[in-house]
Amino acid sequence: MLALDYLYIIAMLMMLALGIRYASDTYFEAALLIALFGFVGSFALAKFLLRGEVIE
């Protein structure tokens, strides 16, 4: 679980670095989407591991 959190954080940081390097808003939007989906995915996985089901 922590490894997946680490992977999405690294991907988000890479997108931010590319956005700064190339001065493009597209990379910042991609980083925002990665952060959003990473958080939601981590939440769903944690809920699944604790209860065995995601949707009640």
C-alpha atoms as a PDB file:
ATOM      1  CA  MET A   1       0.000   0.000   0.000  1.00  0.00           C
ATOM      2  CA  LEU A   2       2.777   2.398   0.863  1.00  0.00           C
ATOM      3  CA  ALA A   3       4.587   1.459  -2.339  1.00  0.00           C
ATOM      4  CA  LEU A   4       1.569   2.515  -4.410  1.00  0.00           C
ATOM      5  CA  ASP A   5       1.389   5.818  -2.528  1.00  0.00           C
ATOM      6  CA  TYR A   6       5.073   6.314  -3.187  1.00  0.00           C
ATOM      7  CA  LEU A   7       4.647   5.612  -6.908  1.00  0.00           C
ATOM      8  CA  TYR A   8       1.865   8.126  -7.421  1.00  0.00           C
ATOM      9  CA  ILE A   9       3.745  10.765  -5.429  1.00  0.00           C
ATOM     10  CA  ILE A  10       6.866  10.226  -7.536  1.00  0.00           C
ATOM     11  CA  ALA A  11       4.804  10.428 -10.739  1.00  0.00           C
ATOM     12  CA  MET A  12       3.178  13.641  -9.541  1.00  0.00           C
ATOM     13  CA  LEU A  13       6.545  15.176  -8.660  1.00  0.00           C
ATOM     14  CA  MET A  14       7.947  14.218 -12.061  1.00  0.00           C
ATOM     15  CA  MET A  15       5.014  15.948 -13.772  1.00  0.00           C
ATOM     16  CA  LEU A  16       5.565  19.044 -11.644  1.00  0.00           C
ATOM     17  CA  ALA A  17       9.258  19.092 -12.504  1.00  0.00           C
ATOM     18  CA  LEU A  18       8.471  18.755 -16.208  1.00  0.00           C
ATOM     19  CA  GLY A  19       5.902  21.533 -15.916  1.00  0.00           C
ATOM     20  CA  ILE A  20       8.494  23.832 -14.402  1.00  0.00           C
ATOM     21  CA  ARG A  21      11.130  22.792 -16.945  1.00  0.00           C
ATOM     22  CA  TYR A  22       8.958  23.311 -20.029  1.00  0.00           C
ATOM     23  CA  ALA A  23       6.691  26.050 -18.577  1.00  0.00           C
ATOM     24  CA  SER A  24       3.566  24.206 -19.677  1.00  0.00           C
ATOM     25  CA  ASP A  25       0.252  24.153 -17.838  1.00  0.00           C
ATOM     26  CA  THR A  26      -0.547  20.717 -19.231  1.00  0.00           C
ATOM     27  CA  TYR A  27       2.004  19.071 -16.950  1.00  0.00           C
ATOM     28  CA  PHE A  28       0.551  20.820 -13.907  1.00  0.00           C
ATOM     29  CA  GLU A  29      -2.938  19.629 -14.798  1.00  0.00           C
ATOM     30  CA  ALA A  30      -1.620  16.089 -15.251  1.00  0.00           C
ATOM     31  CA  ALA A  31       0.054  16.291 -11.833  1.00  0.00           C
ATOM     32  CA  LEU A  32      -3.215  17.426 -10.294  1.00  0.00           C
ATOM     33  CA  LEU A  33      -5.069  14.502 -11.873  1.00  0.00           C
ATOM     34  CA  ILE A  34      -2.413  12.034 -10.710  1.00  0.00           C
ATOM     35  CA  ALA A  35      -2.690  13.384  -7.158  1.00  0.00           C
ATOM     36  CA  LEU A  36      -6.481  13.185  -7.224  1.00  0.00           C
ATOM     37  CA  PHE A  37      -6.674   9.660  -8.624  1.00  0.00           C
ATOM     38  CA  GLY A  38      -3.820   8.503  -6.409  1.00  0.00           C
ATOM     39  CA  PHE A  39      -5.610   9.686  -3.283  1.00  0.00           C
ATOM     40  CA  VAL A  40      -8.920   8.148  -4.319  1.00  0.00           C
ATOM     41  CA  GLY A  41      -7.190   4.900  -5.272  1.00  0.00           C
ATOM     42  CA  SER A  42      -5.347   4.725  -1.958  1.00  0.00           C
ATOM     43  CA  PHE A  43      -8.555   5.376  -0.072  1.00  0.00           C
ATOM     44  CA  ALA A  44     -10.429   2.675  -1.986  1.00  0.00           C
ATOM     45  CA  LEU A  45      -7.626   0.146  -1.532  1.00  0.00           C
ATOM     46  CA  ALA A  46      -7.384   0.843   2.196  1.00  0.00           C
ATOM     47  CA  LYS A  47     -11.135   0.465   2.575  1.00  0.00           C
ATOM     48  CA  PHE A  48     -11.036  -2.780   0.620  1.00  0.00           C
ATOM     49  CA  LEU A  49      -8.211  -4.185   2.730  1.00  0.00           C
ATOM     50  CA  LEU A  50      -9.989  -3.291   5.968  1.00  0.00           C
ATOM     51  CA  ARG A  51     -13.535  -4.388   5.140  1.00  0.00           C
ATOM     52  CA  GLY A  52     -13.290  -6.610   2.096  1.00  0.00           C
ATOM     53  CA  GLU A  53     -15.595  -4.450   0.008  1.00  0.00           C
ATOM     54  CA  VAL A  54     -15.276  -0.981  -1.467  1.00  0.00           C
ATOM     55  CA  ILE A  55     -18.921  -0.038  -1.975  1.00  0.00           C
ATOM     56  CA  GLU A  56     -21.347  -0.758   0.846  1.00  0.00           C
END
